[in-house]
Amino acid sequence: MEKHRWNDIQWQEVTPEISRKIITGANVMVAHVRLRKGSVVPEHSHVSEQITSILDGSLQFWIEGREIVVGRGEVLVIPPHVPHKAVALEDTLDVDVFSPIRQDWLDGSDTYFRKK
């Protein structure tokens, strides 16, 4: 068992507009993700199931040809291997939960963030 405090975890800059804090267990990962208005998470997919809960702000997702806006108090479940992208419609803080753990986030091989 481990106890963590979000305030004790340093923000990791992913891009100048996107930063995150990560906590991992044996099989699941949870992250706080901060996105500035207009920031883009380019299209990507992963083996992990993803649950995104918006704490503040809103994100517009494109998933399987559908546009979905997810705002404060709403939760989106993204199945494994499904390509998706997102744009922050306003300054946003979300909680992302992944299972299995996103190894690419831990080792820095999540290069899709840096593609233009």
C-alpha atoms as a PDB file:
ATOM      1  CA  MET A   1       0.000   0.000   0.000  1.00  0.00           C
ATOM      2  CA  GLU A   2       1.217   3.488  -0.875  1.00  0.00           C
ATOM      3  CA  LYS A   3      -0.257   6.854  -0.019  1.00  0.00           C
ATOM      4  CA  HIS A   4       0.356   9.844  -2.316  1.00  0.00           C
ATOM      5  CA  ARG A   5      -0.506  13.547  -2.250  1.00  0.00           C
ATOM      6  CA  TRP A   6      -1.097  15.242  -5.610  1.00  0.00           C
ATOM      7  CA  ASN A   7       0.399  18.446  -4.183  1.00  0.00           C
ATOM      8  CA  ASP A   8       3.695  16.624  -3.514  1.00  0.00           C
ATOM      9  CA  ILE A   9       4.077  15.396  -7.104  1.00  0.00           C
ATOM     10  CA  GLN A  10       5.892  17.667  -9.564  1.00  0.00           C
ATOM     11  CA  TRP A  11       4.284  18.594 -12.886  1.00  0.00           C
ATOM     12  CA  GLN A  12       6.042  17.008 -15.880  1.00  0.00           C
ATOM     13  CA  GLU A  13       6.018  19.201 -18.984  1.00  0.00           C
ATOM     14  CA  VAL A  14       4.946  17.174 -22.008  1.00  0.00           C
ATOM     15  CA  THR A  15       4.694  20.175 -24.338  1.00  0.00           C
ATOM     16  CA  PRO A  16       4.689  23.903 -23.527  1.00  0.00           C
ATOM     17  CA  GLU A  17       0.853  23.644 -23.327  1.00  0.00           C
ATOM     18  CA  ILE A  18       0.396  20.230 -21.657  1.00  0.00           C
ATOM     19  CA  SER A  19       1.731  18.915 -18.343  1.00  0.00           C
ATOM     20  CA  ARG A  20       0.939  15.928 -16.144  1.00  0.00           C
ATOM     21  CA  LYS A  21       1.448  14.223 -12.789  1.00  0.00           C
ATOM     22  CA  ILE A  22       1.464  10.417 -12.676  1.00  0.00           C
ATOM     23  CA  ILE A  23       0.859   7.768 -10.023  1.00  0.00           C
ATOM     24  CA  THR A  24       1.169   4.080 -10.869  1.00  0.00           C
ATOM     25  CA  GLY A  25       0.126   0.893  -9.173  1.00  0.00           C
ATOM     26  CA  ALA A  26       0.904  -2.623 -10.309  1.00  0.00           C
ATOM     27  CA  ASN A  27      -1.721  -2.641 -13.092  1.00  0.00           C
ATOM     28  CA  VAL A  28      -3.265   0.809 -13.274  1.00  0.00           C
ATOM     29  CA  MET A  29      -2.053   4.375 -13.783  1.00  0.00           C
ATOM     30  CA  VAL A  30      -3.755   7.610 -12.820  1.00  0.00           C
ATOM     31  CA  ALA A  31      -2.666  11.043 -13.998  1.00  0.00           C
ATOM     32  CA  HIS A  32      -3.658  14.657 -13.557  1.00  0.00           C
ATOM     33  CA  VAL A  33      -3.316  16.321 -16.953  1.00  0.00           C
ATOM     34  CA  ARG A  34      -3.317  20.098 -17.350  1.00  0.00           C
ATOM     35  CA  LEU A  35      -4.002  21.451 -20.851  1.00  0.00           C
ATOM     36  CA  ARG A  36      -3.997  25.090 -21.898  1.00  0.00           C
ATOM     37  CA  LYS A  37      -6.817  26.315 -24.120  1.00  0.00           C
ATOM     38  CA  GLY A  38      -6.103  25.371 -27.742  1.00  0.00           C
ATOM     39  CA  SER A  39      -3.595  22.644 -26.924  1.00  0.00           C
ATOM     40  CA  VAL A  40      -3.824  19.499 -29.028  1.00  0.00           C
ATOM     41  CA  VAL A  41      -3.350  15.856 -28.134  1.00  0.00           C
ATOM     42  CA  PRO A  42      -2.609  14.411 -31.601  1.00  0.00           C
ATOM     43  CA  GLU A  43      -4.336  11.269 -32.809  1.00  0.00           C
ATOM     44  CA  HIS A  44      -2.925   8.137 -31.236  1.00  0.00           C
ATOM     45  CA  SER A  45      -4.028   4.800 -29.831  1.00  0.00           C
ATOM     46  CA  HIS A  46      -2.753   2.464 -27.145  1.00  0.00           C
ATOM     47  CA  VAL A  47      -3.359  -0.942 -25.650  1.00  0.00           C
ATOM     48  CA  SER A  48      -4.713   0.652 -22.470  1.00  0.00           C
ATOM     49  CA  GLU A  49      -8.344   1.281 -21.704  1.00  0.00           C
ATOM     50  CA  GLN A  50      -8.666   4.977 -20.780  1.00  0.00           C
ATOM     51  CA  ILE A  51     -11.113   6.741 -18.510  1.00  0.00           C
ATOM     52  CA  THR A  52     -10.974  10.548 -18.654  1.00  0.00           C
ATOM     53  CA  SER A  53     -12.771  12.618 -16.027  1.00  0.00           C
ATOM     54  CA  ILE A  54     -12.869  16.397 -16.466  1.00  0.00           C
ATOM     55  CA  LEU A  55     -12.323  18.282 -13.204  1.00  0.00           C
ATOM     56  CA  ASP A  56     -12.317  21.732 -14.812  1.00  0.00           C
ATOM     57  CA  GLY A  57     -12.619  22.997 -18.395  1.00  0.00           C
ATOM     58  CA  SER A  58     -13.574  20.936 -21.443  1.00  0.00           C
ATOM     59  CA  LEU A  59     -12.018  18.801 -24.162  1.00  0.00           C
ATOM     60  CA  GLN A  60     -13.273  18.063 -27.650  1.00  0.00           C
ATOM     61  CA  PHE A  61     -12.451  14.505 -28.723  1.00  0.00           C
ATOM     62  CA  TRP A  62     -12.538  12.840 -32.129  1.00  0.00           C
ATOM     63  CA  ILE A  63     -13.097   9.110 -31.782  1.00  0.00           C
ATOM     64  CA  GLU A  64     -14.087   6.747 -34.579  1.00  0.00           C
ATOM     65  CA  GLY A  65     -15.395   9.596 -36.737  1.00  0.00           C
ATOM     66  CA  ARG A  66     -17.413  11.177 -33.902  1.00  0.00           C
ATOM     67  CA  GLU A  67     -16.847  14.513 -32.200  1.00  0.00           C
ATOM     68  CA  ILE A  68     -17.532  14.383 -28.462  1.00  0.00           C
ATOM     69  CA  VAL A  69     -17.237  17.336 -26.072  1.00  0.00           C
ATOM     70  CA  VAL A  70     -16.524  16.342 -22.479  1.00  0.00           C
ATOM     71  CA  GLY A  71     -16.892  19.037 -19.820  1.00  0.00           C
ATOM     72  CA  ARG A  72     -16.566  19.526 -16.097  1.00  0.00           C
ATOM     73  CA  GLY A  73     -18.144  16.656 -14.175  1.00  0.00           C
ATOM     74  CA  GLU A  74     -18.278  14.372 -17.222  1.00  0.00           C
ATOM     75  CA  VAL A  75     -16.395  11.141 -17.884  1.00  0.00           C
ATOM     76  CA  LEU A  76     -15.364   9.519 -21.163  1.00  0.00           C
ATOM     77  CA  VAL A  77     -14.377   5.850 -21.510  1.00  0.00           C
ATOM     78  CA  ILE A  78     -12.092   5.060 -24.463  1.00  0.00           C
ATOM     79  CA  PRO A  79     -11.659   1.356 -25.304  1.00  0.00           C
ATOM     80  CA  PRO A  80      -8.206  -0.138 -25.982  1.00  0.00           C
ATOM     81  CA  HIS A  81      -6.676   0.318 -29.466  1.00  0.00           C
ATOM     82  CA  VAL A  82      -9.181   3.004 -30.547  1.00  0.00           C
ATOM     83  CA  PRO A  83      -7.541   5.995 -32.301  1.00  0.00           C
ATOM     84  CA  HIS A  84      -8.473   9.312 -30.689  1.00  0.00           C
ATOM     85  CA  LYS A  85      -7.359  12.933 -30.496  1.00  0.00           C
ATOM     86  CA  ALA A  86      -8.413  15.926 -28.416  1.00  0.00           C
ATOM     87  CA  VAL A  87      -8.319  19.716 -28.291  1.00  0.00           C
ATOM     88  CA  ALA A  88      -8.691  21.782 -25.119  1.00  0.00           C
ATOM     89  CA  LEU A  89     -11.641  24.147 -25.613  1.00  0.00           C
ATOM     90  CA  GLU A  90     -10.566  26.049 -22.495  1.00  0.00           C
ATOM     91  CA  ASP A  91      -7.906  25.659 -19.820  1.00  0.00           C
ATOM     92  CA  THR A  92      -8.569  22.135 -18.579  1.00  0.00           C
ATOM     93  CA  LEU A  93      -7.619  19.816 -15.731  1.00  0.00           C
ATOM     94  CA  ASP A  94      -8.528  16.177 -16.120  1.00  0.00           C
ATOM     95  CA  VAL A  95      -7.878  12.861 -14.457  1.00  0.00           C
ATOM     96  CA  ASP A  96      -6.865  10.053 -16.797  1.00  0.00           C
ATOM     97  CA  VAL A  97      -6.928   6.440 -15.635  1.00  0.00           C
ATOM     98  CA  PHE A  98      -5.228   3.760 -17.729  1.00  0.00           C
ATOM     99  CA  SER A  99      -5.101  -0.009 -17.499  1.00  0.00           C
ATOM    100  CA  PRO A 100      -2.679  -1.456 -18.249  1.00  0.00           C
ATOM    101  CA  ILE A 101      -0.099   1.180 -17.344  1.00  0.00           C
ATOM    102  CA  ARG A 102       1.073   3.475 -20.170  1.00  0.00           C
ATOM    103  CA  GLN A 103       4.753   2.525 -20.321  1.00  0.00           C
ATOM    104  CA  ASP A 104       5.284   5.131 -23.067  1.00  0.00           C
ATOM    105  CA  TRP A 105       4.359   7.863 -20.566  1.00  0.00           C
ATOM    106  CA  LEU A 106       6.891   6.506 -18.078  1.00  0.00           C
ATOM    107  CA  ASP A 107       9.814   6.054 -20.468  1.00  0.00           C
ATOM    108  CA  GLY A 108       9.158   9.147 -22.632  1.00  0.00           C
ATOM    109  CA  SER A 109       8.438   7.271 -25.856  1.00  0.00           C
ATOM    110  CA  ASP A 110       5.040   9.000 -26.229  1.00  0.00           C
ATOM    111  CA  THR A 111       6.389  10.965 -29.199  1.00  0.00           C
ATOM    112  CA  TYR A 112       2.937  11.551 -30.715  1.00  0.00           C
ATOM    113  CA  PHE A 113       2.679  14.593 -28.412  1.00  0.00           C
ATOM    114  CA  ARG A 114       5.577  16.248 -30.183  1.00  0.00           C
ATOM    115  CA  LYS A 115       4.368  15.672 -33.750  1.00  0.00           C
ATOM    116  CA  LYS A 116       3.095  18.738 -35.588  1.00  0.00           C
END
